[in-house]
Amino acid sequence: MSWASLAIALSGAGVLVTGALAALFLRDPVAGMVATGHRAEALPHVMANRYVAMLVLALGATLYGDLKAIALLFAAFSYMAFHDAWIYARAGQAVGKHIGAGVAALIVVLVASLAMGQGV
């Protein structure tokens, strides 16, 4: 097995673990918190960590310049923003900032997709 094959296989394993955790959190957020060892009182610090990680991903995709990676990453960002808006809307809270972030991310997806269609 080559290093590249091993890296892809390990990435696939990461997809499976992350997918299982995503399904658990979507089905039962309390069980997800227990399974991952997260604590509600640490959420502000966890969010800071998540934004730093998203920054690194966006910076990497931008510097790498791959339109497919940019489109996929910002599609994921859009999903996160719209899902957060849905959560807050169900709780009767403001959603404007999250909807704005989702729309902004979708614009990046649209522009990257149009650029791919031009063969740029």
N, C-alpha and C. Protein backbone atom coordinates (compact mmCIF):
# COMPACT_ATOMS: atom_id res chain seq x y z
N MET A 1 0.85 -1.18 0.00
CA MET A 1 0.00 0.00 0.00
C MET A 1 0.90 1.24 0.00
N SER A 2 0.59 2.17 -0.86
CA SER A 2 1.37 3.41 -0.93
C SER A 2 0.96 4.35 0.19
N TRP A 3 1.79 5.36 0.43
CA TRP A 3 1.46 6.38 1.42
C TRP A 3 0.16 7.09 1.03
N ALA A 4 0.00 7.36 -0.26
CA ALA A 4 -1.21 8.03 -0.72
C ALA A 4 -2.45 7.18 -0.45
N SER A 5 -2.36 5.88 -0.74
CA SER A 5 -3.49 4.98 -0.47
C SER A 5 -3.80 4.92 1.01
N LEU A 6 -2.77 4.87 1.82
CA LEU A 6 -2.97 4.84 3.27
C LEU A 6 -3.62 6.13 3.75
N ALA A 7 -3.16 7.27 3.23
CA ALA A 7 -3.75 8.55 3.62
C ALA A 7 -5.23 8.59 3.26
N ILE A 8 -5.58 8.09 2.08
CA ILE A 8 -6.98 8.08 1.65
C ILE A 8 -7.79 7.13 2.52
N ALA A 9 -7.24 5.97 2.83
CA ALA A 9 -7.94 5.02 3.69
C ALA A 9 -8.17 5.60 5.09
N LEU A 10 -7.15 6.26 5.65
CA LEU A 10 -7.30 6.87 6.96
C LEU A 10 -8.31 8.02 6.92
N SER A 11 -8.30 8.77 5.84
CA SER A 11 -9.29 9.83 5.67
C SER A 11 -10.70 9.23 5.61
N GLY A 12 -10.85 8.12 4.91
CA GLY A 12 -12.14 7.43 4.86
C GLY A 12 -12.59 6.97 6.24
N ALA A 13 -11.65 6.48 7.05
CA ALA A 13 -11.99 6.10 8.42
C ALA A 13 -12.46 7.33 9.20
N GLY A 14 -11.81 8.45 8.97
CA GLY A 14 -12.23 9.69 9.61
C GLY A 14 -13.63 10.10 9.19
N VAL A 15 -13.96 9.86 7.92
CA VAL A 15 -15.30 10.15 7.42
C VAL A 15 -16.32 9.29 8.17
N LEU A 16 -16.01 8.02 8.35
CA LEU A 16 -16.94 7.11 9.04
C LEU A 16 -17.16 7.53 10.49
N VAL A 17 -16.08 7.84 11.20
CA VAL A 17 -16.20 8.25 12.61
C VAL A 17 -16.96 9.57 12.71
N THR A 18 -16.59 10.54 11.88
CA THR A 18 -17.27 11.83 11.91
C THR A 18 -18.73 11.69 11.54
N GLY A 19 -19.03 10.87 10.56
CA GLY A 19 -20.41 10.63 10.16
C GLY A 19 -21.22 10.00 11.28
N ALA A 20 -20.62 9.04 11.99
CA ALA A 20 -21.31 8.41 13.11
C ALA A 20 -21.60 9.43 14.21
N LEU A 21 -20.63 10.29 14.50
CA LEU A 21 -20.84 11.32 15.52
C LEU A 21 -21.90 12.32 15.07
N ALA A 22 -21.88 12.69 13.79
CA ALA A 22 -22.89 13.61 13.27
C ALA A 22 -24.29 13.00 13.43
N ALA A 23 -24.44 11.74 13.05
CA ALA A 23 -25.73 11.06 13.18
C ALA A 23 -26.17 11.00 14.64
N LEU A 24 -25.24 10.71 15.54
CA LEU A 24 -25.56 10.65 16.96
C LEU A 24 -26.04 12.01 17.47
N PHE A 25 -25.30 13.08 17.14
CA PHE A 25 -25.70 14.41 17.57
C PHE A 25 -27.04 14.82 16.99
N LEU A 26 -27.30 14.48 15.72
CA LEU A 26 -28.58 14.83 15.11
C LEU A 26 -29.73 14.06 15.75
N ARG A 27 -29.49 12.82 16.12
CA ARG A 27 -30.52 11.98 16.72
C ARG A 27 -30.74 12.31 18.19
N ASP A 28 -29.63 12.49 18.93
CA ASP A 28 -29.71 12.69 20.39
C ASP A 28 -28.54 13.56 20.84
N PRO A 29 -28.71 14.87 20.82
CA PRO A 29 -27.60 15.78 21.16
C PRO A 29 -27.00 15.52 22.55
N VAL A 30 -27.82 15.13 23.50
CA VAL A 30 -27.29 14.87 24.85
C VAL A 30 -26.36 13.66 24.82
N ALA A 31 -26.76 12.61 24.13
CA ALA A 31 -25.90 11.43 24.01
C ALA A 31 -24.63 11.78 23.24
N GLY A 32 -24.75 12.66 22.24
CA GLY A 32 -23.57 13.09 21.50
C GLY A 32 -22.59 13.82 22.40
N MET A 33 -23.11 14.68 23.26
CA MET A 33 -22.24 15.41 24.21
C MET A 33 -21.53 14.42 25.13
N VAL A 34 -22.25 13.43 25.62
CA VAL A 34 -21.64 12.43 26.50
C VAL A 34 -20.60 11.62 25.75
N ALA A 35 -20.94 11.17 24.55
CA ALA A 35 -20.02 10.31 23.79
C ALA A 35 -18.72 11.03 23.44
N THR A 36 -18.80 12.33 23.19
CA THR A 36 -17.60 13.07 22.80
C THR A 36 -16.88 13.72 23.97
N GLY A 37 -17.51 13.71 25.13
CA GLY A 37 -16.88 14.32 26.30
C GLY A 37 -17.00 15.84 26.33
N HIS A 38 -17.86 16.41 25.47
CA HIS A 38 -18.05 17.86 25.47
C HIS A 38 -18.89 18.27 26.68
N ARG A 39 -18.66 19.49 27.13
CA ARG A 39 -19.40 20.05 28.26
C ARG A 39 -20.07 21.34 27.81
N ALA A 40 -21.35 21.49 28.13
CA ALA A 40 -22.11 22.66 27.69
C ALA A 40 -21.47 23.96 28.17
N GLU A 41 -20.92 23.96 29.36
CA GLU A 41 -20.33 25.19 29.89
C GLU A 41 -19.06 25.61 29.13
N ALA A 42 -18.47 24.70 28.39
CA ALA A 42 -17.27 25.01 27.60
C ALA A 42 -17.62 25.43 26.17
N LEU A 43 -18.92 25.51 25.85
CA LEU A 43 -19.33 25.78 24.47
C LEU A 43 -18.71 27.06 23.89
N PRO A 44 -18.64 28.17 24.62
CA PRO A 44 -18.01 29.35 24.01
C PRO A 44 -16.55 29.10 23.59
N HIS A 45 -15.82 28.34 24.37
CA HIS A 45 -14.43 28.03 24.01
C HIS A 45 -14.39 27.05 22.84
N VAL A 46 -15.31 26.11 22.83
CA VAL A 46 -15.39 25.15 21.72
C VAL A 46 -15.70 25.89 20.43
N MET A 47 -16.61 26.86 20.49
CA MET A 47 -16.96 27.64 19.29
C MET A 47 -15.76 28.42 18.79
N ALA A 48 -14.97 28.98 19.69
CA ALA A 48 -13.76 29.70 19.27
C ALA A 48 -12.84 28.75 18.52
N ASN A 49 -12.69 27.55 19.03
CA ASN A 49 -11.86 26.54 18.38
C ASN A 49 -12.41 26.20 17.00
N ARG A 50 -13.73 26.06 16.88
CA ARG A 50 -14.34 25.72 15.60
C ARG A 50 -14.11 26.84 14.57
N TYR A 51 -14.23 28.10 15.01
CA TYR A 51 -14.01 29.20 14.07
C TYR A 51 -12.56 29.28 13.63
N VAL A 52 -11.63 28.97 14.52
CA VAL A 52 -10.22 28.92 14.12
C VAL A 52 -10.02 27.81 13.09
N ALA A 53 -10.63 26.65 13.33
CA ALA A 53 -10.51 25.54 12.38
C ALA A 53 -11.11 25.91 11.02
N MET A 54 -12.28 26.57 11.04
CA MET A 54 -12.89 26.98 9.77
C MET A 54 -12.02 28.01 9.06
N LEU A 55 -11.39 28.89 9.82
CA LEU A 55 -10.47 29.87 9.25
C LEU A 55 -9.31 29.17 8.54
N VAL A 56 -8.73 28.19 9.20
CA VAL A 56 -7.60 27.46 8.61
C VAL A 56 -8.05 26.73 7.34
N LEU A 57 -9.22 26.11 7.37
CA LEU A 57 -9.72 25.43 6.18
C LEU A 57 -9.96 26.41 5.04
N ALA A 58 -10.60 27.54 5.34
CA ALA A 58 -10.88 28.53 4.30
C ALA A 58 -9.58 29.12 3.75
N LEU A 59 -8.63 29.39 4.62
CA LEU A 59 -7.34 29.93 4.18
C LEU A 59 -6.63 28.91 3.29
N GLY A 60 -6.62 27.65 3.72
CA GLY A 60 -5.97 26.61 2.92
C GLY A 60 -6.61 26.44 1.56
N ALA A 61 -7.93 26.40 1.51
CA ALA A 61 -8.62 26.25 0.23
C ALA A 61 -8.35 27.45 -0.67
N THR A 62 -8.34 28.64 -0.07
CA THR A 62 -8.10 29.86 -0.85
C THR A 62 -6.68 29.87 -1.40
N LEU A 63 -5.70 29.57 -0.57
CA LEU A 63 -4.31 29.58 -1.02
C LEU A 63 -4.03 28.47 -2.03
N TYR A 64 -4.66 27.31 -1.83
CA TYR A 64 -4.49 26.20 -2.76
C TYR A 64 -5.13 26.53 -4.10
N GLY A 65 -6.23 27.28 -4.05
CA GLY A 65 -6.87 27.76 -5.27
C GLY A 65 -7.66 26.74 -6.05
N ASP A 66 -8.01 25.63 -5.45
CA ASP A 66 -8.79 24.61 -6.14
C ASP A 66 -10.28 24.96 -6.02
N LEU A 67 -10.92 25.24 -7.14
CA LEU A 67 -12.31 25.67 -7.13
C LEU A 67 -13.26 24.61 -6.56
N LYS A 68 -12.96 23.34 -6.80
CA LYS A 68 -13.80 22.27 -6.24
C LYS A 68 -13.73 22.28 -4.72
N ALA A 69 -12.51 22.43 -4.19
CA ALA A 69 -12.35 22.46 -2.74
C ALA A 69 -13.04 23.69 -2.15
N ILE A 70 -12.92 24.82 -2.81
CA ILE A 70 -13.57 26.05 -2.34
C ILE A 70 -15.08 25.87 -2.35
N ALA A 71 -15.63 25.36 -3.44
CA ALA A 71 -17.08 25.18 -3.53
C ALA A 71 -17.59 24.20 -2.47
N LEU A 72 -16.90 23.10 -2.30
CA LEU A 72 -17.32 22.11 -1.30
C LEU A 72 -17.23 22.68 0.11
N LEU A 73 -16.14 23.35 0.42
CA LEU A 73 -15.96 23.91 1.76
C LEU A 73 -17.03 24.94 2.06
N PHE A 74 -17.29 25.84 1.12
CA PHE A 74 -18.28 26.88 1.38
C PHE A 74 -19.70 26.34 1.33
N ALA A 75 -19.93 25.23 0.64
CA ALA A 75 -21.23 24.56 0.73
C ALA A 75 -21.43 24.03 2.15
N ALA A 76 -20.38 23.48 2.73
CA ALA A 76 -20.46 23.01 4.11
C ALA A 76 -20.69 24.19 5.07
N PHE A 77 -19.99 25.28 4.84
CA PHE A 77 -20.19 26.48 5.67
C PHE A 77 -21.64 26.96 5.56
N SER A 78 -22.18 26.95 4.35
CA SER A 78 -23.56 27.38 4.14
C SER A 78 -24.52 26.47 4.89
N TYR A 79 -24.29 25.17 4.79
CA TYR A 79 -25.12 24.22 5.54
C TYR A 79 -25.08 24.55 7.03
N MET A 80 -23.89 24.77 7.58
CA MET A 80 -23.79 25.06 9.01
C MET A 80 -24.59 26.31 9.36
N ALA A 81 -24.45 27.35 8.57
CA ALA A 81 -25.14 28.60 8.86
C ALA A 81 -26.66 28.43 8.80
N PHE A 82 -27.15 27.78 7.74
CA PHE A 82 -28.59 27.60 7.61
C PHE A 82 -29.15 26.65 8.68
N HIS A 83 -28.38 25.63 9.03
CA HIS A 83 -28.84 24.72 10.08
C HIS A 83 -28.91 25.46 11.41
N ASP A 84 -27.91 26.29 11.70
CA ASP A 84 -27.96 27.10 12.92
C ASP A 84 -29.18 28.01 12.91
N ALA A 85 -29.47 28.63 11.76
CA ALA A 85 -30.63 29.51 11.65
C ALA A 85 -31.91 28.73 11.95
N TRP A 86 -32.00 27.51 11.43
CA TRP A 86 -33.17 26.66 11.67
C TRP A 86 -33.31 26.36 13.16
N ILE A 87 -32.19 26.03 13.82
CA ILE A 87 -32.22 25.74 15.25
C ILE A 87 -32.71 26.96 16.03
N TYR A 88 -32.15 28.12 15.71
CA TYR A 88 -32.54 29.34 16.42
C TYR A 88 -33.97 29.74 16.10
N ALA A 89 -34.41 29.55 14.86
CA ALA A 89 -35.79 29.89 14.49
C ALA A 89 -36.78 29.04 15.29
N ARG A 90 -36.48 27.77 15.45
CA ARG A 90 -37.35 26.89 16.23
C ARG A 90 -37.45 27.34 17.68
N ALA A 91 -36.38 28.00 18.17
CA ALA A 91 -36.38 28.49 19.55
C ALA A 91 -36.92 29.91 19.65
N GLY A 92 -37.37 30.47 18.51
CA GLY A 92 -37.92 31.81 18.51
C GLY A 92 -36.88 32.90 18.65
N GLN A 93 -35.65 32.61 18.25
CA GLN A 93 -34.57 33.58 18.37
C GLN A 93 -34.20 34.16 17.01
N ALA A 94 -33.41 35.21 17.04
CA ALA A 94 -33.00 35.89 15.80
C ALA A 94 -32.17 34.97 14.92
N VAL A 95 -32.39 35.09 13.62
CA VAL A 95 -31.70 34.22 12.66
C VAL A 95 -30.96 35.01 11.58
N GLY A 96 -31.08 36.32 11.57
CA GLY A 96 -30.55 37.13 10.49
C GLY A 96 -29.07 36.94 10.22
N LYS A 97 -28.26 36.90 11.25
CA LYS A 97 -26.81 36.75 11.05
C LYS A 97 -26.48 35.41 10.43
N HIS A 98 -27.19 34.36 10.86
CA HIS A 98 -26.91 33.03 10.32
C HIS A 98 -27.40 32.91 8.87
N ILE A 99 -28.54 33.49 8.58
CA ILE A 99 -29.02 33.46 7.20
C ILE A 99 -28.07 34.26 6.31
N GLY A 100 -27.61 35.40 6.79
CA GLY A 100 -26.65 36.20 6.02
C GLY A 100 -25.38 35.43 5.74
N ALA A 101 -24.88 34.71 6.75
CA ALA A 101 -23.67 33.91 6.56
C ALA A 101 -23.91 32.79 5.56
N GLY A 102 -25.09 32.15 5.64
CA GLY A 102 -25.41 31.08 4.70
C GLY A 102 -25.50 31.58 3.27
N VAL A 103 -26.12 32.73 3.09
CA VAL A 103 -26.23 33.32 1.75
C VAL A 103 -24.84 33.69 1.22
N ALA A 104 -24.02 34.31 2.07
CA ALA A 104 -22.67 34.69 1.64
C ALA A 104 -21.88 33.46 1.20
N ALA A 105 -21.98 32.37 1.97
CA ALA A 105 -21.27 31.15 1.61
C ALA A 105 -21.81 30.58 0.30
N LEU A 106 -23.13 30.65 0.11
CA LEU A 106 -23.71 30.16 -1.14
C LEU A 106 -23.24 30.98 -2.34
N ILE A 107 -23.02 32.26 -2.14
CA ILE A 107 -22.49 33.09 -3.24
C ILE A 107 -21.11 32.60 -3.65
N VAL A 108 -20.28 32.24 -2.66
CA VAL A 108 -18.96 31.70 -2.98
C VAL A 108 -19.11 30.40 -3.76
N VAL A 109 -20.03 29.54 -3.34
CA VAL A 109 -20.27 28.27 -4.05
C VAL A 109 -20.71 28.55 -5.49
N LEU A 110 -21.62 29.48 -5.66
CA LEU A 110 -22.12 29.81 -6.99
C LEU A 110 -21.00 30.34 -7.89
N VAL A 111 -20.22 31.27 -7.38
CA VAL A 111 -19.14 31.85 -8.19
C VAL A 111 -18.10 30.79 -8.53
N ALA A 112 -17.73 29.95 -7.56
CA ALA A 112 -16.76 28.88 -7.82
C ALA A 112 -17.31 27.90 -8.86
N SER A 113 -18.59 27.59 -8.76
CA SER A 113 -19.21 26.67 -9.71
C SER A 113 -19.24 27.27 -11.12
N LEU A 114 -19.58 28.56 -11.20
CA LEU A 114 -19.57 29.23 -12.51
C LEU A 114 -18.17 29.24 -13.10
N ALA A 115 -17.16 29.49 -12.26
CA ALA A 115 -15.78 29.49 -12.72
C ALA A 115 -15.36 28.11 -13.23
N MET A 116 -15.82 27.05 -12.55
CA MET A 116 -15.51 25.70 -13.00
C MET A 116 -16.16 25.43 -14.35
N GLY A 117 -17.34 25.96 -14.55
CA GLY A 117 -18.04 25.79 -15.82
C GLY A 117 -17.34 26.49 -16.98
N GLN A 118 -16.57 27.52 -16.66
CA GLN A 118 -15.82 28.24 -17.68
C GLN A 118 -14.49 27.59 -17.97
N GLY A 119 -14.15 26.57 -17.18
CA GLY A 119 -12.87 25.90 -17.36
C GLY A 119 -11.70 26.71 -16.84
N VAL A 120 -11.97 27.60 -15.89
CA VAL A 120 -10.91 28.46 -15.32
C VAL A 120 -10.11 27.67 -14.33
